[in-house]
Amino acid sequence: MTDFFYLIPISLILGTGGLILFLWTLRNGQYEDLDGAAERILYEEDEPRRDWDGI
């Protein structure tokens, strides 16, 4: 049972690191435009497909 006591600090470090990364992305505006990418794919102009073999 005492062999698993090293897992507690590791899990706390990983959890704190994940929380810090989440707060960093939140502060830098990663979640500001959630619908933009989903709608952008619907409204962009389609470009004609290029033939790479020259036909």
PDB file of N, CA and C in Angstrom:
ATOM      1  N   MET A   1       0.821  -1.200   0.000  1.00  0.00           N
ATOM      2  CA  MET A   1       0.000   0.000   0.000  1.00  0.00           C
ATOM      3  C   MET A   1       0.868   1.269   0.000  1.00  0.00           C
ATOM      4  N   THR A   2       1.967   1.212   0.688  1.00  0.00           N
ATOM      5  CA  THR A   2       2.829   2.390   0.754  1.00  0.00           C
ATOM      6  C   THR A   2       3.566   2.612  -0.565  1.00  0.00           C
ATOM      7  N   ASP A   3       3.560   1.608  -1.431  1.00  0.00           N
ATOM      8  CA  ASP A   3       4.220   1.761  -2.720  1.00  0.00           C
ATOM      9  C   ASP A   3       3.496   2.754  -3.623  1.00  0.00           C
ATOM     10  N   PHE A   4       2.227   2.996  -3.364  1.00  0.00           N
ATOM     11  CA  PHE A   4       1.434   3.862  -4.227  1.00  0.00           C
ATOM     12  C   PHE A   4       1.416   5.320  -3.781  1.00  0.00           C
ATOM     13  N   PHE A   5       2.140   5.679  -2.735  1.00  0.00           N
ATOM     14  CA  PHE A   5       2.141   7.058  -2.262  1.00  0.00           C
ATOM     15  C   PHE A   5       2.831   8.009  -3.229  1.00  0.00           C
ATOM     16  N   TYR A   6       3.641   7.512  -4.126  1.00  0.00           N
ATOM     17  CA  TYR A   6       4.265   8.379  -5.122  1.00  0.00           C
ATOM     18  C   TYR A   6       3.270   8.792  -6.201  1.00  0.00           C
ATOM     19  N   LEU A   7       2.143   8.075  -6.308  1.00  0.00           N
ATOM     20  CA  LEU A   7       1.146   8.423  -7.321  1.00  0.00           C
ATOM     21  C   LEU A   7       0.347   9.678  -6.959  1.00  0.00           C
ATOM     22  N   ILE A   8       0.221   9.964  -5.687  1.00  0.00           N
ATOM     23  CA  ILE A   8      -0.546  11.138  -5.259  1.00  0.00           C
ATOM     24  C   ILE A   8       0.129  12.429  -5.722  1.00  0.00           C
ATOM     25  N   PRO A   9       1.422  12.644  -5.487  1.00  0.00           N
ATOM     26  CA  PRO A   9       2.043  13.879  -6.007  1.00  0.00           C
ATOM     27  C   PRO A   9       2.049  13.947  -7.530  1.00  0.00           C
ATOM     28  N   ILE A  10       2.227  12.800  -8.190  1.00  0.00           N
ATOM     29  CA  ILE A  10       2.210  12.797  -9.653  1.00  0.00           C
ATOM     30  C   ILE A  10       0.849  13.216 -10.169  1.00  0.00           C
ATOM     31  N   SER A  11      -0.223  12.696  -9.584  1.00  0.00           N
ATOM     32  CA  SER A  11      -1.563  13.062 -10.037  1.00  0.00           C
ATOM     33  C   SER A  11      -1.879  14.519  -9.724  1.00  0.00           C
ATOM     34  N   LEU A  12      -1.395  15.023  -8.605  1.00  0.00           N
ATOM     35  CA  LEU A  12      -1.602  16.439  -8.284  1.00  0.00           C
ATOM     36  C   LEU A  12      -0.851  17.336  -9.259  1.00  0.00           C
ATOM     37  N   ILE A  13       0.355  16.958  -9.623  1.00  0.00           N
ATOM     38  CA  ILE A  13       1.141  17.750 -10.574  1.00  0.00           C
ATOM     39  C   ILE A  13       0.469  17.745 -11.946  1.00  0.00           C
ATOM     40  N   LEU A  14       0.025  16.575 -12.402  1.00  0.00           N
ATOM     41  CA  LEU A  14      -0.632  16.496 -13.708  1.00  0.00           C
ATOM     42  C   LEU A  14      -1.960  17.255 -13.721  1.00  0.00           C
ATOM     43  N   GLY A  15      -2.716  17.156 -12.641  1.00  0.00           N
ATOM     44  CA  GLY A  15      -3.969  17.894 -12.553  1.00  0.00           C
ATOM     45  C   GLY A  15      -3.763  19.396 -12.534  1.00  0.00           C
ATOM     46  N   THR A  16      -2.774  19.845 -11.793  1.00  0.00           N
ATOM     47  CA  THR A  16      -2.466  21.266 -11.750  1.00  0.00           C
ATOM     48  C   THR A  16      -1.968  21.755 -13.106  1.00  0.00           C
ATOM     49  N   GLY A  17      -1.141  20.943 -13.760  1.00  0.00           N
ATOM     50  CA  GLY A  17      -0.669  21.308 -15.095  1.00  0.00           C
ATOM     51  C   GLY A  17      -1.817  21.412 -16.099  1.00  0.00           C
ATOM     52  N   GLY A  18      -2.752  20.481 -16.044  1.00  0.00           N
ATOM     53  CA  GLY A  18      -3.911  20.538 -16.928  1.00  0.00           C
ATOM     54  C   GLY A  18      -4.766  21.760 -16.664  1.00  0.00           C
ATOM     55  N   LEU A  19      -4.957  22.100 -15.396  1.00  0.00           N
ATOM     56  CA  LEU A  19      -5.738  23.284 -15.044  1.00  0.00           C
ATOM     57  C   LEU A  19      -5.042  24.551 -15.521  1.00  0.00           C
ATOM     58  N   ILE A  20      -3.730  24.610 -15.370  1.00  0.00           N
ATOM     59  CA  ILE A  20      -2.981  25.786 -15.821  1.00  0.00           C
ATOM     60  C   ILE A  20      -3.076  25.926 -17.336  1.00  0.00           C
ATOM     61  N   LEU A  21      -2.951  24.814 -18.065  1.00  0.00           N
ATOM     62  CA  LEU A  21      -3.073  24.874 -19.526  1.00  0.00           C
ATOM     63  C   LEU A  21      -4.470  25.301 -19.956  1.00  0.00           C
ATOM     64  N   PHE A  22      -5.496  24.804 -19.269  1.00  0.00           N
ATOM     65  CA  PHE A  22      -6.861  25.204 -19.593  1.00  0.00           C
ATOM     66  C   PHE A  22      -7.075  26.687 -19.346  1.00  0.00           C
ATOM     67  N   LEU A  23      -6.604  27.192 -18.224  1.00  0.00           N
ATOM     68  CA  LEU A  23      -6.764  28.614 -17.926  1.00  0.00           C
ATOM     69  C   LEU A  23      -5.970  29.470 -18.907  1.00  0.00           C
ATOM     70  N   TRP A  24      -4.817  28.988 -19.366  1.00  0.00           N
ATOM     71  CA  TRP A  24      -4.027  29.716 -20.360  1.00  0.00           C
ATOM     72  C   TRP A  24      -4.784  29.811 -21.684  1.00  0.00           C
ATOM     73  N   THR A  25      -5.381  28.699 -22.125  1.00  0.00           N
ATOM     74  CA  THR A  25      -6.141  28.740 -23.377  1.00  0.00           C
ATOM     75  C   THR A  25      -7.386  29.599 -23.231  1.00  0.00           C
ATOM     76  N   LEU A  26      -7.995  29.587 -22.068  1.00  0.00           N
ATOM     77  CA  LEU A  26      -9.170  30.426 -21.830  1.00  0.00           C
ATOM     78  C   LEU A  26      -8.799  31.899 -21.863  1.00  0.00           C
ATOM     79  N   ARG A  27      -7.667  32.245 -21.286  1.00  0.00           N
ATOM     80  CA  ARG A  27      -7.216  33.637 -21.247  1.00  0.00           C
ATOM     81  C   ARG A  27      -6.787  34.130 -22.625  1.00  0.00           C
ATOM     82  N   ASN A  28      -6.252  33.245 -23.469  1.00  0.00           N
ATOM     83  CA  ASN A  28      -5.790  33.639 -24.790  1.00  0.00           C
ATOM     84  C   ASN A  28      -6.877  33.595 -25.848  1.00  0.00           C
ATOM     85  N   GLY A  29      -8.102  33.334 -25.473  1.00  0.00           N
ATOM     86  CA  GLY A  29      -9.224  33.445 -26.402  1.00  0.00           C
ATOM     87  C   GLY A  29      -9.437  32.251 -27.311  1.00  0.00           C
ATOM     88  N   GLN A  30      -9.026  31.064 -26.900  1.00  0.00           N
ATOM     89  CA  GLN A  30      -9.200  29.893 -27.730  1.00  0.00           C
ATOM     90  C   GLN A  30     -10.673  29.500 -27.858  1.00  0.00           C
ATOM     91  N   TYR A  31     -11.498  29.881 -26.913  1.00  0.00           N
ATOM     92  CA  TYR A  31     -12.901  29.468 -26.905  1.00  0.00           C
ATOM     93  C   TYR A  31     -13.851  30.619 -27.219  1.00  0.00           C
ATOM     94  N   GLU A  32     -13.359  31.667 -27.836  1.00  0.00           N
ATOM     95  CA  GLU A  32     -14.195  32.829 -28.121  1.00  0.00           C
ATOM     96  C   GLU A  32     -15.193  32.577 -29.244  1.00  0.00           C
ATOM     97  N   ASP A  33     -14.759  31.929 -30.316  1.00  0.00           N
ATOM     98  CA  ASP A  33     -15.604  31.744 -31.490  1.00  0.00           C
ATOM     99  C   ASP A  33     -15.826  30.255 -31.722  1.00  0.00           C
ATOM    100  N   LEU A  34     -16.763  29.676 -30.974  1.00  0.00           N
ATOM    101  CA  LEU A  34     -16.994  28.244 -31.076  1.00  0.00           C
ATOM    102  C   LEU A  34     -17.753  27.868 -32.343  1.00  0.00           C
ATOM    103  N   ASP A  35     -18.600  28.755 -32.838  1.00  0.00           N
ATOM    104  CA  ASP A  35     -19.397  28.439 -34.021  1.00  0.00           C
ATOM    105  C   ASP A  35     -18.718  28.853 -35.314  1.00  0.00           C
ATOM    106  N   GLY A  36     -17.661  29.601 -35.241  1.00  0.00           N
ATOM    107  CA  GLY A  36     -17.022  30.119 -36.446  1.00  0.00           C
ATOM    108  C   GLY A  36     -16.511  29.046 -37.373  1.00  0.00           C
ATOM    109  N   ALA A  37     -15.787  28.078 -36.846  1.00  0.00           N
ATOM    110  CA  ALA A  37     -15.231  27.029 -37.702  1.00  0.00           C
ATOM    111  C   ALA A  37     -16.328  26.132 -38.254  1.00  0.00           C
ATOM    112  N   ALA A  38     -17.361  25.891 -37.468  1.00  0.00           N
ATOM    113  CA  ALA A  38     -18.452  25.035 -37.934  1.00  0.00           C
ATOM    114  C   ALA A  38     -19.243  25.712 -39.048  1.00  0.00           C
ATOM    115  N   GLU A  39     -19.424  27.015 -38.962  1.00  0.00           N
ATOM    116  CA  GLU A  39     -20.173  27.719 -40.004  1.00  0.00           C
ATOM    117  C   GLU A  39     -19.294  28.082 -41.193  1.00  0.00           C
ATOM    118  N   ARG A  40     -18.022  28.253 -40.964  1.00  0.00           N
ATOM    119  CA  ARG A  40     -17.114  28.629 -42.038  1.00  0.00           C
ATOM    120  C   ARG A  40     -17.046  27.552 -43.114  1.00  0.00           C
ATOM    121  N   ILE A  41     -17.159  26.306 -42.718  1.00  0.00           N
ATOM    122  CA  ILE A  41     -17.093  25.227 -43.687  1.00  0.00           C
ATOM    123  C   ILE A  41     -18.328  25.216 -44.583  1.00  0.00           C
ATOM    124  N   LEU A  42     -19.424  25.788 -44.100  1.00  0.00           N
ATOM    125  CA  LEU A  42     -20.651  25.815 -44.891  1.00  0.00           C
ATOM    126  C   LEU A  42     -20.681  26.978 -45.877  1.00  0.00           C
ATOM    127  N   TYR A  43     -20.021  28.079 -45.546  1.00  0.00           N
ATOM    128  CA  TYR A  43     -20.161  29.295 -46.341  1.00  0.00           C
ATOM    129  C   TYR A  43     -18.943  29.639 -47.194  1.00  0.00           C
ATOM    130  N   GLU A  44     -17.884  28.882 -47.122  1.00  0.00           N
ATOM    131  CA  GLU A  44     -16.716  29.189 -47.949  1.00  0.00           C
ATOM    132  C   GLU A  44     -16.984  28.796 -49.391  1.00  0.00           C
ATOM    133  N   GLU A  45     -16.341  29.520 -50.280  1.00  0.00           N
ATOM    134  CA  GLU A  45     -16.455  29.202 -51.699  1.00  0.00           C
ATOM    135  C   GLU A  45     -15.664  27.933 -51.999  1.00  0.00           C
ATOM    136  N   ASP A  46     -16.294  27.052 -52.765  1.00  0.00           N
ATOM    137  CA  ASP A  46     -15.594  25.835 -53.158  1.00  0.00           C
ATOM    138  C   ASP A  46     -14.669  26.133 -54.326  1.00  0.00           C
ATOM    139  N   GLU A  47     -13.464  25.638 -54.241  1.00  0.00           N
ATOM    140  CA  GLU A  47     -12.510  25.786 -55.324  1.00  0.00           C
ATOM    141  C   GLU A  47     -12.563  24.536 -56.193  1.00  0.00           C
ATOM    142  N   PRO A  48     -12.404  24.691 -57.495  1.00  0.00           N
ATOM    143  CA  PRO A  48     -12.407  23.505 -58.350  1.00  0.00           C
ATOM    144  C   PRO A  48     -11.236  22.588 -58.025  1.00  0.00           C
ATOM    145  N   ARG A  49     -11.465  21.347 -58.185  1.00  0.00           N
ATOM    146  CA  ARG A  49     -10.444  20.348 -57.876  1.00  0.00           C
ATOM    147  C   ARG A  49      -9.378  20.353 -58.974  1.00  0.00           C
ATOM    148  N   ARG A  50      -8.124  20.330 -58.565  1.00  0.00           N
ATOM    149  CA  ARG A  50      -7.021  20.342 -59.516  1.00  0.00           C
ATOM    150  C   ARG A  50      -6.673  18.918 -59.926  1.00  0.00           C
ATOM    151  N   ASP A  51      -6.467  18.738 -61.201  1.00  0.00           N
ATOM    152  CA  ASP A  51      -5.997  17.447 -61.690  1.00  0.00           C
ATOM    153  C   ASP A  51      -4.486  17.437 -61.680  1.00  0.00           C
ATOM    154  N   TRP A  52      -3.906  16.561 -60.943  1.00  0.00           N
ATOM    155  CA  TRP A  52      -2.452  16.531 -60.815  1.00  0.00           C
ATOM    156  C   TRP A  52      -1.781  15.790 -61.974  1.00  0.00           C
ATOM    157  N   ASP A  53      -2.539  14.980 -62.690  1.00  0.00           N
ATOM    158  CA  ASP A  53      -1.901  14.231 -63.779  1.00  0.00           C
ATOM    159  C   ASP A  53      -1.971  14.968 -65.104  1.00  0.00           C
ATOM    160  N   GLY A  54      -2.538  16.157 -65.121  1.00  0.00           N
ATOM    161  CA  GLY A  54      -2.536  16.992 -66.327  1.00  0.00           C
ATOM    162  C   GLY A  54      -3.601  16.644 -67.343  1.00  0.00           C
ATOM    163  N   ILE A  55      -4.552  15.841 -66.981  1.00  0.00           N
ATOM    164  CA  ILE A  55      -5.613  15.471 -67.929  1.00  0.00           C
ATOM    165  C   ILE A  55      -6.706  16.525 -67.916  1.00  0.00           C
TER     166      ILE A  55
END
